[in-house]
Amino acid sequence: MEIKIVGAGPAGLYLAGLMERHDPSHEITIFERSRRDATWGFGVVFSERALEFLRADDEALYLYLTPHLENRQ
């Protein structure tokens, strides 16, 4: 299947990863308006509730991400 994703934010990248994991034969293209080396922004914020959903839905990704999270309270 040919899949085109507009936006390389968290949702677009996660969708690409899920689709690739589901069927590696998918042909996935991600379109992003920012430059490839752009690093501006404030990062991604996950609430405790969002992390609970992520852990329930995709524990492998949760375990990969959580050691890299910063707590800025």
Foldseek 3Di string as FASTA:
>chain_A
DEEEAEAPPPVRVVVVVVVCVVPVVYHYHYHYPDDPPDDDDDDDDADPVNLVVCCVVPVVVSVVCVVVDDDDD
